Amino acid sequence: MEENKEKFTVAGTNIDEVKRKNAESGLSYNEVKALLASTGGLETSVYSNTDVEEVKKNLSGNEVE
């Protein structure tokens, strides 16, 4: 009898096929979160990777000591 090397869920989903498609699908959830954090998201990149005190100064228009 020939051994079936493919793994399937109880519902019949081919696990290896799902993993292959996921690998080809683009960014993962955590990769998207990291990208948004590094770029600041929509129209907020001016504050990305910026010192908090510097941001407060820019928002208030006052010098932070």
PDB file of N, CA and C in Angstrom:
ATOM      1  N   MET A   1       0.832  -1.184   0.000  1.00  0.00           N
ATOM      2  CA  MET A   1       0.000   0.000   0.000  1.00  0.00           C
ATOM      3  C   MET A   1       0.878   1.249   0.000  1.00  0.00           C
ATOM      4  N   GLU A   2       0.549   2.199  -0.825  1.00  0.00           N
ATOM      5  CA  GLU A   2       1.325   3.424  -0.962  1.00  0.00           C
ATOM      6  C   GLU A   2       0.993   4.398   0.171  1.00  0.00           C
ATOM      7  N   GLU A   3       2.035   4.972   0.783  1.00  0.00           N
ATOM      8  CA  GLU A   3       1.845   5.907   1.900  1.00  0.00           C
ATOM      9  C   GLU A   3       1.486   7.296   1.377  1.00  0.00           C
ATOM     10  N   ASN A   4       0.427   7.894   1.924  1.00  0.00           N
ATOM     11  CA  ASN A   4       0.017   9.246   1.555  1.00  0.00           C
ATOM     12  C   ASN A   4       0.753  10.227   2.457  1.00  0.00           C
ATOM     13  N   LYS A   5       1.667  11.009   1.894  1.00  0.00           N
ATOM     14  CA  LYS A   5       2.497  11.918   2.680  1.00  0.00           C
ATOM     15  C   LYS A   5       1.831  13.266   2.936  1.00  0.00           C
ATOM     16  N   GLU A   6       0.715  13.538   2.270  1.00  0.00           N
ATOM     17  CA  GLU A   6       0.021  14.793   2.479  1.00  0.00           C
ATOM     18  C   GLU A   6      -0.797  14.730   3.764  1.00  0.00           C
ATOM     19  N   LYS A   7      -0.840  15.876   4.480  1.00  0.00           N
ATOM     20  CA  LYS A   7      -1.600  15.954   5.718  1.00  0.00           C
ATOM     21  C   LYS A   7      -2.893  16.717   5.447  1.00  0.00           C
ATOM     22  N   PHE A   8      -3.984  16.198   5.989  1.00  0.00           N
ATOM     23  CA  PHE A   8      -5.290  16.828   5.820  1.00  0.00           C
ATOM     24  C   PHE A   8      -5.946  17.046   7.181  1.00  0.00           C
ATOM     25  N   THR A   9      -6.742  18.123   7.290  1.00  0.00           N
ATOM     26  CA  THR A   9      -7.523  18.351   8.500  1.00  0.00           C
ATOM     27  C   THR A   9      -8.731  17.418   8.473  1.00  0.00           C
ATOM     28  N   VAL A  10      -9.480  17.397   9.556  1.00  0.00           N
ATOM     29  CA  VAL A  10     -10.692  16.584   9.638  1.00  0.00           C
ATOM     30  C   VAL A  10     -11.673  16.995   8.546  1.00  0.00           C
ATOM     31  N   ALA A  11     -11.688  18.296   8.218  1.00  0.00           N
ATOM     32  CA  ALA A  11     -12.601  18.801   7.185  1.00  0.00           C
ATOM     33  C   ALA A  11     -12.100  18.520   5.775  1.00  0.00           C
ATOM     34  N   GLY A  12     -10.894  17.998   5.644  1.00  0.00           N
ATOM     35  CA  GLY A  12     -10.370  17.645   4.331  1.00  0.00           C
ATOM     36  C   GLY A  12      -9.447  18.680   3.708  1.00  0.00           C
ATOM     37  N   THR A  13      -9.057  19.689   4.477  1.00  0.00           N
ATOM     38  CA  THR A  13      -8.160  20.730   3.961  1.00  0.00           C
ATOM     39  C   THR A  13      -6.728  20.210   3.910  1.00  0.00           C
ATOM     40  N   ASN A  14      -6.058  20.423   2.802  1.00  0.00           N
ATOM     41  CA  ASN A  14      -4.672  20.014   2.631  1.00  0.00           C
ATOM     42  C   ASN A  14      -3.781  21.029   3.354  1.00  0.00           C
ATOM     43  N   ILE A  15      -3.197  20.630   4.463  1.00  0.00           N
ATOM     44  CA  ILE A  15      -2.409  21.526   5.316  1.00  0.00           C
ATOM     45  C   ILE A  15      -1.188  22.069   4.579  1.00  0.00           C
ATOM     46  N   ASP A  16      -0.487  21.217   3.863  1.00  0.00           N
ATOM     47  CA  ASP A  16       0.714  21.657   3.146  1.00  0.00           C
ATOM     48  C   ASP A  16       0.381  22.669   2.053  1.00  0.00           C
ATOM     49  N   GLU A  17      -0.752  22.473   1.389  1.00  0.00           N
ATOM     50  CA  GLU A  17      -1.183  23.415   0.345  1.00  0.00           C
ATOM     51  C   GLU A  17      -1.516  24.784   0.946  1.00  0.00           C
ATOM     52  N   VAL A  18      -2.178  24.802   2.094  1.00  0.00           N
ATOM     53  CA  VAL A  18      -2.507  26.059   2.766  1.00  0.00           C
ATOM     54  C   VAL A  18      -1.231  26.783   3.189  1.00  0.00           C
ATOM     55  N   LYS A  19      -0.272  26.055   3.742  1.00  0.00           N
ATOM     56  CA  LYS A  19       1.000  26.656   4.143  1.00  0.00           C
ATOM     57  C   LYS A  19       1.736  27.240   2.939  1.00  0.00           C
ATOM     58  N   ARG A  20       1.716  26.526   1.811  1.00  0.00           N
ATOM     59  CA  ARG A  20       2.390  27.001   0.601  1.00  0.00           C
ATOM     60  C   ARG A  20       1.735  28.293   0.111  1.00  0.00           C
ATOM     61  N   LYS A  21       0.406  28.321   0.075  1.00  0.00           N
ATOM     62  CA  LYS A  21      -0.303  29.517  -0.387  1.00  0.00           C
ATOM     63  C   LYS A  21      -0.093  30.696   0.561  1.00  0.00           C
ATOM     64  N   ASN A  22      -0.071  30.439   1.854  1.00  0.00           N
ATOM     65  CA  ASN A  22       0.187  31.505   2.824  1.00  0.00           C
ATOM     66  C   ASN A  22       1.570  32.120   2.623  1.00  0.00           C
ATOM     67  N   ALA A  23       2.553  31.278   2.340  1.00  0.00           N
ATOM     68  CA  ALA A  23       3.922  31.768   2.139  1.00  0.00           C
ATOM     69  C   ALA A  23       4.015  32.670   0.915  1.00  0.00           C
ATOM     70  N   GLU A  24       3.149  32.453  -0.065  1.00  0.00           N
ATOM     71  CA  GLU A  24       3.169  33.244  -1.300  1.00  0.00           C
ATOM     72  C   GLU A  24       2.234  34.451  -1.255  1.00  0.00           C
ATOM     73  N   SER A  25       1.489  34.618  -0.183  1.00  0.00           N
ATOM     74  CA  SER A  25       0.400  35.599  -0.177  1.00  0.00           C
ATOM     75  C   SER A  25       0.809  37.021   0.192  1.00  0.00           C
ATOM     76  N   GLY A  26       1.991  37.250   0.676  1.00  0.00           N
ATOM     77  CA  GLY A  26       2.386  38.611   1.035  1.00  0.00           C
ATOM     78  C   GLY A  26       2.787  38.714   2.493  1.00  0.00           C
ATOM     79  N   LEU A  27       2.580  39.896   3.057  1.00  0.00           N
ATOM     80  CA  LEU A  27       3.009  40.156   4.428  1.00  0.00           C
ATOM     81  C   LEU A  27       2.114  39.459   5.445  1.00  0.00           C
ATOM     82  N   SER A  28       2.743  39.022   6.543  1.00  0.00           N
ATOM     83  CA  SER A  28       1.969  38.451   7.638  1.00  0.00           C
ATOM     84  C   SER A  28       1.393  39.586   8.481  1.00  0.00           C
ATOM     85  N   TYR A  29       0.504  39.252   9.380  1.00  0.00           N
ATOM     86  CA  TYR A  29      -0.110  40.237  10.273  1.00  0.00           C
ATOM     87  C   TYR A  29       0.965  40.993  11.055  1.00  0.00           C
ATOM     88  N   ASN A  30       1.938  40.268  11.606  1.00  0.00           N
ATOM     89  CA  ASN A  30       2.995  40.910  12.385  1.00  0.00           C
ATOM     90  C   ASN A  30       3.916  41.749  11.504  1.00  0.00           C
ATOM     91  N   GLU A  31       4.140  41.329  10.277  1.00  0.00           N
ATOM     92  CA  GLU A  31       4.953  42.122   9.360  1.00  0.00           C
ATOM     93  C   GLU A  31       4.255  43.432   9.013  1.00  0.00           C
ATOM     94  N   VAL A  32       2.948  43.393   8.848  1.00  0.00           N
ATOM     95  CA  VAL A  32       2.181  44.622   8.571  1.00  0.00           C
ATOM     96  C   VAL A  32       2.249  45.550   9.769  1.00  0.00           C
ATOM     97  N   LYS A  33       2.076  45.007  10.982  1.00  0.00           N
ATOM     98  CA  LYS A  33       2.165  45.839  12.185  1.00  0.00           C
ATOM     99  C   LYS A  33       3.532  46.510  12.281  1.00  0.00           C
ATOM    100  N   ALA A  34       4.600  45.762  12.010  1.00  0.00           N
ATOM    101  CA  ALA A  34       5.947  46.319  12.076  1.00  0.00           C
ATOM    102  C   ALA A  34       6.140  47.398  11.015  1.00  0.00           C
ATOM    103  N   LEU A  35       5.617  47.169   9.821  1.00  0.00           N
ATOM    104  CA  LEU A  35       5.730  48.156   8.748  1.00  0.00           C
ATOM    105  C   LEU A  35       4.997  49.440   9.105  1.00  0.00           C
ATOM    106  N   LEU A  36       3.781  49.312   9.620  1.00  0.00           N
ATOM    107  CA  LEU A  36       3.024  50.493  10.020  1.00  0.00           C
ATOM    108  C   LEU A  36       3.712  51.241  11.157  1.00  0.00           C
ATOM    109  N   ALA A  37       4.275  50.509  12.092  1.00  0.00           N
ATOM    110  CA  ALA A  37       4.975  51.151  13.206  1.00  0.00           C
ATOM    111  C   ALA A  37       6.207  51.905  12.709  1.00  0.00           C
ATOM    112  N   SER A  38       6.902  51.347  11.738  1.00  0.00           N
ATOM    113  CA  SER A  38       8.124  52.001  11.257  1.00  0.00           C
ATOM    114  C   SER A  38       7.840  53.171  10.334  1.00  0.00           C
ATOM    115  N   THR A  39       6.672  53.164   9.670  1.00  0.00           N
ATOM    116  CA  THR A  39       6.355  54.260   8.758  1.00  0.00           C
ATOM    117  C   THR A  39       5.367  55.240   9.359  1.00  0.00           C
ATOM    118  N   GLY A  40       4.764  54.872  10.476  1.00  0.00           N
ATOM    119  CA  GLY A  40       3.845  55.777  11.137  1.00  0.00           C
ATOM    120  C   GLY A  40       2.431  55.695  10.643  1.00  0.00           C
ATOM    121  N   GLY A  41       2.133  54.825   9.713  1.00  0.00           N
ATOM    122  CA  GLY A  41       0.770  54.703   9.221  1.00  0.00           C
ATOM    123  C   GLY A  41       0.404  55.817   8.262  1.00  0.00           C
ATOM    124  N   LEU A  42      -0.880  55.995   8.039  1.00  0.00           N
ATOM    125  CA  LEU A  42      -1.388  56.950   7.068  1.00  0.00           C
ATOM    126  C   LEU A  42      -1.148  58.386   7.510  1.00  0.00           C
ATOM    127  N   GLU A  43      -0.349  59.107   6.764  1.00  0.00           N
ATOM    128  CA  GLU A  43      -0.059  60.533   6.978  1.00  0.00           C
ATOM    129  C   GLU A  43       0.476  60.858   8.369  1.00  0.00           C
ATOM    130  N   THR A  44       1.131  59.903   9.018  1.00  0.00           N
ATOM    131  CA  THR A  44       1.735  60.167  10.321  1.00  0.00           C
ATOM    132  C   THR A  44       3.227  59.865  10.323  1.00  0.00           C
ATOM    133  N   SER A  45       3.788  59.629   9.159  1.00  0.00           N
ATOM    134  CA  SER A  45       5.197  59.247   9.099  1.00  0.00           C
ATOM    135  C   SER A  45       6.120  60.342   9.611  1.00  0.00           C
ATOM    136  N   VAL A  46       5.636  61.597   9.647  1.00  0.00           N
ATOM    137  CA  VAL A  46       6.467  62.679  10.176  1.00  0.00           C
ATOM    138  C   VAL A  46       6.833  62.420  11.638  1.00  0.00           C
ATOM    139  N   TYR A  47       5.999  61.674  12.358  1.00  0.00           N
ATOM    140  CA  TYR A  47       6.273  61.369  13.759  1.00  0.00           C
ATOM    141  C   TYR A  47       6.869  59.989  13.975  1.00  0.00           C
ATOM    142  N   SER A  48       7.083  59.245  12.930  1.00  0.00           N
ATOM    143  CA  SER A  48       7.643  57.917  13.045  1.00  0.00           C
ATOM    144  C   SER A  48       9.104  57.978  13.474  1.00  0.00           C
ATOM    145  N   ASN A  49       9.466  57.104  14.398  1.00  0.00           N
ATOM    146  CA  ASN A  49      10.843  57.012  14.903  1.00  0.00           C
ATOM    147  C   ASN A  49      11.357  58.357  15.409  1.00  0.00           C
ATOM    148  N   THR A  50      10.479  59.135  16.020  1.00  0.00           N
ATOM    149  CA  THR A  50      10.831  60.457  16.512  1.00  0.00           C
ATOM    150  C   THR A  50      10.786  60.447  18.029  1.00  0.00           C
ATOM    151  N   ASP A  51      11.656  61.234  18.634  1.00  0.00           N
ATOM    152  CA  ASP A  51      11.669  61.387  20.072  1.00  0.00           C
ATOM    153  C   ASP A  51      10.330  61.952  20.555  1.00  0.00           C
ATOM    154  N   VAL A  52       9.770  61.365  21.611  1.00  0.00           N
ATOM    155  CA  VAL A  52       8.465  61.781  22.119  1.00  0.00           C
ATOM    156  C   VAL A  52       8.458  63.251  22.503  1.00  0.00           C
ATOM    157  N   GLU A  53       9.504  63.707  23.141  1.00  0.00           N
ATOM    158  CA  GLU A  53       9.575  65.111  23.553  1.00  0.00           C
ATOM    159  C   GLU A  53       9.594  66.045  22.345  1.00  0.00           C
ATOM    160  N   GLU A  54      10.237  65.629  21.279  1.00  0.00           N
ATOM    161  CA  GLU A  54      10.268  66.422  20.047  1.00  0.00           C
ATOM    162  C   GLU A  54       8.868  66.526  19.443  1.00  0.00           C
ATOM    163  N   VAL A  55       8.125  65.441  19.468  1.00  0.00           N
ATOM    164  CA  VAL A  55       6.759  65.452  18.953  1.00  0.00           C
ATOM    165  C   VAL A  55       5.895  66.382  19.785  1.00  0.00           C
ATOM    166  N   LYS A  56       6.019  66.299  21.104  1.00  0.00           N
ATOM    167  CA  LYS A  56       5.246  67.183  21.982  1.00  0.00           C
ATOM    168  C   LYS A  56       5.567  68.644  21.691  1.00  0.00           C
ATOM    169  N   LYS A  57       6.830  68.929  21.465  1.00  0.00           N
ATOM    170  CA  LYS A  57       7.248  70.297  21.161  1.00  0.00           C
ATOM    171  C   LYS A  57       6.609  70.771  19.859  1.00  0.00           C
ATOM    172  N   ASN A  58       6.622  69.945  18.843  1.00  0.00           N
ATOM    173  CA  ASN A  58       6.042  70.316  17.552  1.00  0.00           C
ATOM    174  C   ASN A  58       4.535  70.513  17.634  1.00  0.00           C
ATOM    175  N   LEU A  59       3.860  69.701  18.435  1.00  0.00           N
ATOM    176  CA  LEU A  59       2.410  69.818  18.565  1.00  0.00           C
ATOM    177  C   LEU A  59       1.993  71.055  19.353  1.00  0.00           C
ATOM    178  N   SER A  60       2.748  71.357  20.392  1.00  0.00           N
ATOM    179  CA  SER A  60       2.358  72.478  21.253  1.00  0.00           C
ATOM    180  C   SER A  60       2.931  73.814  20.773  1.00  0.00           C
ATOM    181  N   GLY A  61       3.975  73.747  19.980  1.00  0.00           N
ATOM    182  CA  GLY A  61       4.622  74.978  19.528  1.00  0.00           C
ATOM    183  C   GLY A  61       5.518  75.592  20.585  1.00  0.00           C
ATOM    184  N   ASN A  62       5.718  74.877  21.688  1.00  0.00           N
ATOM    185  CA  ASN A  62       6.541  75.371  22.796  1.00  0.00           C
ATOM    186  C   ASN A  62       7.829  74.564  22.890  1.00  0.00           C
ATOM    187  N   GLU A  63       8.809  75.170  23.494  1.00  0.00           N
ATOM    188  CA  GLU A  63      10.056  74.486  23.773  1.00  0.00           C
ATOM    189  C   GLU A  63       9.846  73.515  24.922  1.00  0.00           C
ATOM    190  N   VAL A  64      10.387  72.314  24.817  1.00  0.00           N
ATOM    191  CA  VAL A  64      10.345  71.332  25.906  1.00  0.00           C
ATOM    192  C   VAL A  64      11.698  71.336  26.560  1.00  0.00           C
ATOM    193  N   GLU A  65      11.713  71.494  27.864  1.00  0.00           N
ATOM    194  CA  GLU A  65      13.000  71.543  28.587  1.00  0.00           C
ATOM    195  C   GLU A  65      13.368  70.214  29.148  1.00  0.00           C
TER     196      GLU A  65
END
